[in-house]
Amino acid sequence: MENLAQIAQLMSATVIAAGLVIGLGGLGTAIGFGLLGGKFLESSARQPELTNMLQTKMFIVAGLLDAVPIIGVAIGLLLIYSNPFLAALGAK
Protein backbone atom coordinates (compact mmCIF):
# COMPACT_ATOMS: atom_id res chain seq x y z
CA MET A 1 0.00 0.00 0.00
CA GLU A 2 2.91 2.32 0.70
CA ASN A 3 4.23 1.72 -2.82
CA LEU A 4 0.88 2.81 -4.27
CA ALA A 5 1.08 6.09 -2.34
CA GLN A 6 4.61 6.67 -3.66
CA ILE A 7 3.46 6.01 -7.22
CA ALA A 8 0.54 8.41 -6.82
CA GLN A 9 2.84 11.10 -5.41
CA LEU A 10 5.35 10.58 -8.22
CA MET A 11 2.66 10.77 -10.89
CA SER A 12 1.15 13.94 -9.43
CA ALA A 13 4.58 15.58 -9.32
CA THR A 14 5.18 14.42 -12.89
CA VAL A 15 1.95 16.00 -14.12
CA ILE A 16 2.84 19.28 -12.41
CA ALA A 17 6.35 19.18 -13.93
CA ALA A 18 4.97 18.43 -17.40
CA GLY A 19 2.51 21.31 -17.09
CA LEU A 20 5.31 23.67 -16.09
CA VAL A 21 7.52 22.52 -18.96
CA ILE A 22 4.76 23.02 -21.52
CA GLY A 23 3.45 26.26 -20.01
CA LEU A 24 6.79 27.99 -19.51
CA GLY A 25 7.99 26.89 -22.94
CA GLY A 26 4.89 28.40 -24.49
CA LEU A 27 5.22 31.57 -22.44
CA GLY A 28 8.85 32.03 -23.43
CA THR A 29 8.00 31.48 -27.07
CA ALA A 30 5.15 33.98 -26.91
CA ILE A 31 7.46 36.61 -25.44
CA GLY A 32 10.05 35.80 -28.12
CA PHE A 33 7.50 36.13 -30.91
CA GLY A 34 6.34 39.45 -29.51
CA LEU A 35 9.87 40.83 -29.39
CA LEU A 36 10.63 39.45 -32.84
CA GLY A 37 7.54 40.98 -34.43
CA GLY A 38 8.06 44.31 -32.70
CA LYS A 39 11.68 44.58 -33.80
CA PHE A 40 10.71 43.57 -37.34
CA LEU A 41 8.08 46.32 -37.55
CA GLU A 42 10.47 48.83 -36.04
CA SER A 43 13.26 48.00 -38.47
CA SER A 44 10.87 47.94 -41.44
CA ALA A 45 9.63 51.40 -40.52
CA ARG A 46 13.20 52.71 -40.31
CA GLN A 47 14.39 51.17 -43.58
CA PRO A 48 11.48 50.14 -45.81
CA GLU A 49 13.79 49.05 -48.62
CA LEU A 50 15.09 46.17 -46.46
CA THR A 51 11.63 44.81 -45.59
CA ASN A 52 11.82 41.76 -47.88
CA MET A 53 15.21 40.66 -46.55
CA LEU A 54 14.18 41.26 -42.96
CA GLN A 55 10.92 39.38 -43.46
CA THR A 56 12.77 36.32 -44.77
CA LYS A 57 15.11 36.35 -41.78
CA MET A 58 12.20 36.89 -39.40
CA PHE A 59 10.40 33.81 -40.74
CA ILE A 60 13.56 31.70 -40.38
CA VAL A 61 13.97 32.77 -36.76
CA ALA A 62 10.25 32.25 -36.12
CA GLY A 63 10.54 28.69 -37.43
CA LEU A 64 13.45 28.01 -35.12
CA LEU A 65 11.60 29.63 -32.23
CA ASP A 66 8.69 27.25 -32.78
CA ALA A 67 10.91 24.32 -31.86
CA VAL A 68 10.96 25.32 -28.18
CA PRO A 69 7.31 24.57 -27.31
CA ILE A 70 7.27 21.50 -29.55
CA ILE A 71 10.21 20.03 -27.64
CA GLY A 72 8.50 21.00 -24.37
CA VAL A 73 5.32 19.19 -25.40
CA ALA A 74 7.33 16.12 -26.40
CA ILE A 75 9.14 16.04 -23.05
CA GLY A 76 5.88 16.60 -21.17
CA LEU A 77 4.15 13.75 -23.00
CA LEU A 78 7.16 11.50 -22.40
CA LEU A 79 6.98 12.21 -18.69
CA ILE A 80 3.25 11.64 -18.49
CA TYR A 81 2.84 8.52 -20.62
CA SER A 82 6.21 6.80 -20.29
CA ASN A 83 7.48 7.98 -16.95
CA PRO A 84 11.13 6.91 -16.54
CA PHE A 85 11.01 7.62 -12.80
CA LEU A 86 8.53 4.82 -12.14
CA ALA A 87 11.29 2.25 -12.68
CA ALA A 88 13.03 3.57 -9.57
CA LEU A 89 9.97 2.63 -7.51
CA GLY A 90 9.72 -0.82 -9.05
CA ALA A 91 6.44 -0.05 -10.81
CA LYS A 92 5.66 -0.94 -14.38
C-alpha atoms as a PDB file:
ATOM      1  CA  MET A   1       0.000   0.000   0.000  1.00  0.00           C
ATOM      2  CA  GLU A   2       2.913   2.321   0.698  1.00  0.00           C
ATOM      3  CA  ASN A   3       4.227   1.722  -2.824  1.00  0.00           C
ATOM      4  CA  LEU A   4       0.880   2.809  -4.265  1.00  0.00           C
ATOM      5  CA  ALA A   5       1.082   6.089  -2.345  1.00  0.00           C
ATOM      6  CA  GLN A   6       4.605   6.672  -3.660  1.00  0.00           C
ATOM      7  CA  ILE A   7       3.464   6.011  -7.216  1.00  0.00           C
ATOM      8  CA  ALA A   8       0.541   8.411  -6.818  1.00  0.00           C
ATOM      9  CA  GLN A   9       2.837  11.096  -5.410  1.00  0.00           C
ATOM     10  CA  LEU A  10       5.347  10.580  -8.221  1.00  0.00           C
ATOM     11  CA  MET A  11       2.657  10.770 -10.894  1.00  0.00           C
ATOM     12  CA  SER A  12       1.154  13.939  -9.429  1.00  0.00           C
ATOM     13  CA  ALA A  13       4.581  15.581  -9.316  1.00  0.00           C
ATOM     14  CA  THR A  14       5.185  14.425 -12.886  1.00  0.00           C
ATOM     15  CA  VAL A  15       1.952  15.998 -14.119  1.00  0.00           C
ATOM     16  CA  ILE A  16       2.844  19.280 -12.410  1.00  0.00           C
ATOM     17  CA  ALA A  17       6.350  19.180 -13.934  1.00  0.00           C
ATOM     18  CA  ALA A  18       4.966  18.429 -17.401  1.00  0.00           C
ATOM     19  CA  GLY A  19       2.506  21.309 -17.092  1.00  0.00           C
ATOM     20  CA  LEU A  20       5.309  23.668 -16.092  1.00  0.00           C
ATOM     21  CA  VAL A  21       7.516  22.523 -18.962  1.00  0.00           C
ATOM     22  CA  ILE A  22       4.755  23.016 -21.521  1.00  0.00           C
ATOM     23  CA  GLY A  23       3.450  26.265 -20.013  1.00  0.00           C
ATOM     24  CA  LEU A  24       6.788  27.985 -19.507  1.00  0.00           C
ATOM     25  CA  GLY A  25       7.992  26.887 -22.938  1.00  0.00           C
ATOM     26  CA  GLY A  26       4.886  28.395 -24.486  1.00  0.00           C
ATOM     27  CA  LEU A  27       5.222  31.571 -22.437  1.00  0.00           C
ATOM     28  CA  GLY A  28       8.849  32.028 -23.431  1.00  0.00           C
ATOM     29  CA  THR A  29       8.002  31.477 -27.073  1.00  0.00           C
ATOM     30  CA  ALA A  30       5.147  33.978 -26.908  1.00  0.00           C
ATOM     31  CA  ILE A  31       7.459  36.605 -25.441  1.00  0.00           C
ATOM     32  CA  GLY A  32      10.048  35.805 -28.116  1.00  0.00           C
ATOM     33  CA  PHE A  33       7.496  36.130 -30.912  1.00  0.00           C
ATOM     34  CA  GLY A  34       6.336  39.454 -29.505  1.00  0.00           C
ATOM     35  CA  LEU A  35       9.867  40.832 -29.391  1.00  0.00           C
ATOM     36  CA  LEU A  36      10.634  39.447 -32.843  1.00  0.00           C
ATOM     37  CA  GLY A  37       7.544  40.981 -34.429  1.00  0.00           C
ATOM     38  CA  GLY A  38       8.063  44.312 -32.700  1.00  0.00           C
ATOM     39  CA  LYS A  39      11.678  44.580 -33.802  1.00  0.00           C
ATOM     40  CA  PHE A  40      10.713  43.572 -37.341  1.00  0.00           C
ATOM     41  CA  LEU A  41       8.084  46.316 -37.554  1.00  0.00           C
ATOM     42  CA  GLU A  42      10.472  48.827 -36.038  1.00  0.00           C
ATOM     43  CA  SER A  43      13.262  48.003 -38.474  1.00  0.00           C
ATOM     44  CA  SER A  44      10.870  47.939 -41.444  1.00  0.00           C
ATOM     45  CA  ALA A  45       9.628  51.397 -40.519  1.00  0.00           C
ATOM     46  CA  ARG A  46      13.196  52.715 -40.305  1.00  0.00           C
ATOM     47  CA  GLN A  47      14.393  51.174 -43.582  1.00  0.00           C
ATOM     48  CA  PRO A  48      11.477  50.144 -45.813  1.00  0.00           C
ATOM     49  CA  GLU A  49      13.792  49.051 -48.620  1.00  0.00           C
ATOM     50  CA  LEU A  50      15.092  46.170 -46.461  1.00  0.00           C
ATOM     51  CA  THR A  51      11.633  44.806 -45.590  1.00  0.00           C
ATOM     52  CA  ASN A  52      11.818  41.760 -47.884  1.00  0.00           C
ATOM     53  CA  MET A  53      15.214  40.658 -46.555  1.00  0.00           C
ATOM     54  CA  LEU A  54      14.176  41.264 -42.960  1.00  0.00           C
ATOM     55  CA  GLN A  55      10.920  39.379 -43.457  1.00  0.00           C
ATOM     56  CA  THR A  56      12.769  36.323 -44.767  1.00  0.00           C
ATOM     57  CA  LYS A  57      15.113  36.345 -41.783  1.00  0.00           C
ATOM     58  CA  MET A  58      12.202  36.889 -39.405  1.00  0.00           C
ATOM     59  CA  PHE A  59      10.402  33.806 -40.741  1.00  0.00           C
ATOM     60  CA  ILE A  60      13.564  31.705 -40.381  1.00  0.00           C
ATOM     61  CA  VAL A  61      13.975  32.771 -36.758  1.00  0.00           C
ATOM     62  CA  ALA A  62      10.247  32.249 -36.124  1.00  0.00           C
ATOM     63  CA  GLY A  63      10.536  28.693 -37.434  1.00  0.00           C
ATOM     64  CA  LEU A  64      13.454  28.006 -35.123  1.00  0.00           C
ATOM     65  CA  LEU A  65      11.602  29.630 -32.234  1.00  0.00           C
ATOM     66  CA  ASP A  66       8.685  27.249 -32.780  1.00  0.00           C
ATOM     67  CA  ALA A  67      10.910  24.320 -31.858  1.00  0.00           C
ATOM     68  CA  VAL A  68      10.962  25.319 -28.178  1.00  0.00           C
ATOM     69  CA  PRO A  69       7.305  24.565 -27.313  1.00  0.00           C
ATOM     70  CA  ILE A  70       7.273  21.501 -29.553  1.00  0.00           C
ATOM     71  CA  ILE A  71      10.209  20.033 -27.641  1.00  0.00           C
ATOM     72  CA  GLY A  72       8.497  20.999 -24.370  1.00  0.00           C
ATOM     73  CA  VAL A  73       5.316  19.187 -25.396  1.00  0.00           C
ATOM     74  CA  ALA A  74       7.329  16.119 -26.395  1.00  0.00           C
ATOM     75  CA  ILE A  75       9.138  16.036 -23.046  1.00  0.00           C
ATOM     76  CA  GLY A  76       5.880  16.599 -21.168  1.00  0.00           C
ATOM     77  CA  LEU A  77       4.149  13.753 -22.996  1.00  0.00           C
ATOM     78  CA  LEU A  78       7.159  11.505 -22.396  1.00  0.00           C
ATOM     79  CA  LEU A  79       6.985  12.211 -18.685  1.00  0.00           C
ATOM     80  CA  ILE A  80       3.245  11.637 -18.492  1.00  0.00           C
ATOM     81  CA  TYR A  81       2.836   8.521 -20.620  1.00  0.00           C
ATOM     82  CA  SER A  82       6.209   6.802 -20.294  1.00  0.00           C
ATOM     83  CA  ASN A  83       7.477   7.980 -16.950  1.00  0.00           C
ATOM     84  CA  PRO A  84      11.127   6.912 -16.541  1.00  0.00           C
ATOM     85  CA  PHE A  85      11.007   7.615 -12.801  1.00  0.00           C
ATOM     86  CA  LEU A  86       8.529   4.821 -12.139  1.00  0.00           C
ATOM     87  CA  ALA A  87      11.290   2.250 -12.676  1.00  0.00           C
ATOM     88  CA  ALA A  88      13.032   3.572  -9.568  1.00  0.00           C
ATOM     89  CA  LEU A  89       9.972   2.630  -7.508  1.00  0.00           C
ATOM     90  CA  GLY A  90       9.722  -0.823  -9.048  1.00  0.00           C
ATOM     91  CA  ALA A  91       6.435  -0.048 -10.806  1.00  0.00           C
ATOM     92  CA  LYS A  92       5.656  -0.936 -14.379  1.00  0.00           C
END
